[in-house]
Protein backbone atom coordinates (compact mmCIF):
# COMPACT_ATOMS: atom_id res chain seq x y z
CA MET A 1 129.75 105.61 98.49
CA ALA A 2 126.16 105.85 97.29
CA ALA A 3 123.60 103.34 98.50
CA GLN A 4 122.51 100.92 95.82
CA ILE A 5 118.86 99.94 95.75
CA LYS A 6 118.37 96.48 94.27
CA LYS A 7 116.19 94.64 96.76
CA LEU A 8 112.87 96.38 97.41
CA LEU A 9 109.97 95.70 99.74
CA ALA A 10 106.54 97.23 99.10
CA ALA A 11 103.94 97.26 101.85
CA PHE A 12 100.37 96.93 100.55
CA ASP A 13 97.10 97.26 102.50
CA GLY A 14 94.68 97.70 99.63
CA SER A 15 94.39 101.47 99.98
CA GLU A 16 94.85 103.92 97.12
CA PRO A 17 98.13 105.32 98.52
CA ALA A 18 99.45 101.77 98.92
CA GLY A 19 98.55 101.10 95.30
CA ARG A 20 100.52 104.12 94.18
CA ALA A 21 103.45 103.00 96.34
CA LEU A 22 103.26 99.54 94.80
CA ASP A 23 103.42 101.04 91.30
CA VAL A 24 106.49 103.12 92.28
CA ALA A 25 108.16 100.06 93.80
CA ALA A 26 107.49 97.96 90.69
CA ALA A 27 108.76 100.68 88.35
CA THR A 28 111.88 101.15 90.49
CA ALA A 29 112.61 97.43 90.65
CA LYS A 30 112.23 97.18 86.89
CA ALA A 31 114.42 100.25 86.23
CA VAL A 32 117.31 99.04 88.40
CA GLY A 33 117.00 95.36 87.49
CA GLY A 34 116.19 94.62 91.11
CA THR A 35 113.83 92.35 92.97
CA LEU A 36 110.48 93.21 94.54
CA SER A 37 108.83 91.60 97.53
CA ILE A 38 105.29 92.64 98.36
CA MET A 39 104.09 92.42 101.93
CA THR A 40 100.66 92.56 103.48
CA VAL A 41 100.23 92.67 107.23
CA GLY A 42 97.07 90.80 108.15
CA ASP A 43 94.57 92.52 110.36
CA THR A 44 91.82 91.03 112.49
CA LEU A 45 88.42 91.85 111.06
CA THR A 46 85.62 93.20 113.23
CA ARG A 47 82.83 90.81 114.19
CA GLU A 48 80.51 92.50 111.67
CA GLU A 49 83.09 92.14 108.89
CA GLN A 50 83.62 88.47 109.77
CA GLU A 51 79.86 87.77 109.70
CA ALA A 52 79.42 89.59 106.38
CA PHE A 53 82.36 87.70 104.92
CA ALA A 54 81.02 84.34 106.11
CA ARG A 55 77.63 85.10 104.52
CA ALA A 56 79.22 86.16 101.25
CA GLU A 57 81.69 83.28 101.05
CA GLY A 58 79.59 80.56 102.63
CA GLY A 59 82.73 79.02 104.08
CA THR A 60 84.40 78.46 107.39
CA ALA A 61 87.88 79.70 106.49
CA ASP A 62 89.42 82.40 108.66
CA PRO A 63 88.10 85.59 107.02
CA SER A 64 91.12 87.64 108.13
CA GLU A 65 93.52 85.25 106.44
CA VAL A 66 91.44 84.96 103.27
CA PHE A 67 91.15 88.75 103.06
CA ALA A 68 94.90 89.27 103.58
CA LYS A 69 95.77 86.64 100.96
CA ARG A 70 93.41 88.25 98.47
CA LEU A 71 95.02 91.66 99.01
CA LEU A 72 98.43 90.13 98.52
CA ALA A 73 97.40 88.28 95.35
CA GLN A 74 95.89 91.50 93.96
CA ALA A 75 99.14 93.37 94.64
CA CYS A 76 101.30 90.64 93.09
CA ASP A 77 99.15 90.52 89.96
CA ARG A 78 99.36 94.32 89.63
CA SER A 79 103.17 94.28 89.82
CA LYS A 80 103.52 91.32 87.47
CA ARG A 81 101.55 93.27 84.85
CA ALA A 82 104.27 95.92 85.15
CA GLY A 83 106.81 93.28 84.16
CA VAL A 84 108.36 92.60 87.55
CA ARG A 85 108.90 89.25 89.23
CA VAL A 86 107.58 89.38 92.76
CA GLN A 87 107.70 87.48 96.00
CA ALA A 88 104.76 87.61 98.40
CA LEU A 89 105.08 87.99 102.18
CA LEU A 90 102.19 87.74 104.62
CA ARG A 91 102.75 88.75 108.23
CA TRP A 92 100.51 89.42 111.21
CA GLY A 93 100.56 91.97 113.99
CA ASP A 94 101.40 95.63 114.23
CA PRO A 95 102.09 96.81 110.66
CA ALA A 96 105.14 98.97 111.43
CA GLU A 97 106.75 96.32 113.62
CA ALA A 98 106.05 93.57 111.09
CA ILE A 99 107.52 95.63 108.24
CA ILE A 100 110.64 96.52 110.24
CA GLU A 101 111.14 92.86 111.12
CA ALA A 102 110.74 91.84 107.46
CA ILE A 103 113.27 94.49 106.39
CA SER A 104 115.81 93.15 108.85
CA GLN A 105 115.21 89.49 108.02
CA GLY A 106 115.15 90.01 104.26
CA LYS A 107 117.98 92.55 104.20
CA PHE A 108 116.01 94.87 101.94
CA ASP A 109 117.72 97.98 100.58
CA ALA A 110 114.51 100.02 100.63
CA VAL A 111 110.87 99.82 101.61
CA VAL A 112 108.16 101.65 99.68
CA VAL A 113 104.93 102.62 101.44
CA GLY A 114 101.98 104.92 100.92
CA ARG A 115 101.73 108.01 103.09
CA ARG A 116 98.41 106.88 104.53
CA GLY A 117 96.77 103.48 104.51
CA ARG A 118 93.48 102.05 105.68
CA GLY A 119 93.86 103.18 109.30
CA ARG A 120 93.39 106.95 109.04
CA LEU A 121 91.89 107.50 112.51
CA SER A 122 94.31 105.20 114.30
CA GLY A 123 97.14 106.85 112.34
CA LEU A 124 96.11 110.22 113.69
CA LEU A 125 95.95 108.89 117.24
CA LEU A 126 98.96 106.57 117.27
CA GLY A 127 101.17 107.86 114.47
CA SER A 128 101.09 106.49 110.97
CA VAL A 129 102.97 103.41 109.80
CA SER A 130 104.97 105.53 107.35
CA GLN A 131 106.02 107.91 110.13
CA LYS A 132 107.17 104.99 112.28
CA LEU A 133 109.10 103.46 109.39
CA VAL A 134 110.86 106.73 108.58
CA SER A 135 111.97 106.93 112.21
CA LEU A 136 112.80 103.28 112.90
CA ALA A 137 113.40 101.25 109.73
CA PRO A 138 116.91 99.91 109.14
CA SER A 139 116.74 100.76 105.41
CA ILE A 140 115.84 103.54 103.02
CA VAL A 141 112.14 104.40 103.28
CA ILE A 142 110.33 105.78 100.25
CA VAL A 143 106.97 107.33 101.16
CA VAL A 144 104.62 107.84 98.22
CA PRO A 145 101.80 110.40 98.58
């Protein structure tokens, strides 16, 4: 019996490969009449990034949360323009672990990710998120170059 892909999760970190993965996920969801959830895993900004953000925004909001929500809104808008209804998910922590947890909780049929995201150096040292997902995710993993 062939696996049916109807419920997709796309992981988005703002990188170019993640954008391509998002486009593939949206096109797939549209083609199969499925649903698309878009997930961003928030990351703690460096002190320099936080200070630059505070100067630019002039506010006291948590820069990491504002940044993550902006990425997520950008991704949702991009997929909506492709004609797909989306749900947004924001998680925190280790990206691979957070994505695997979301897959299990949401019972997604497939997750779509870019081959490389924002963390190129850490990916080389620790293994990339896509590599971890291919090895550990409880669903189909589609890796987009």
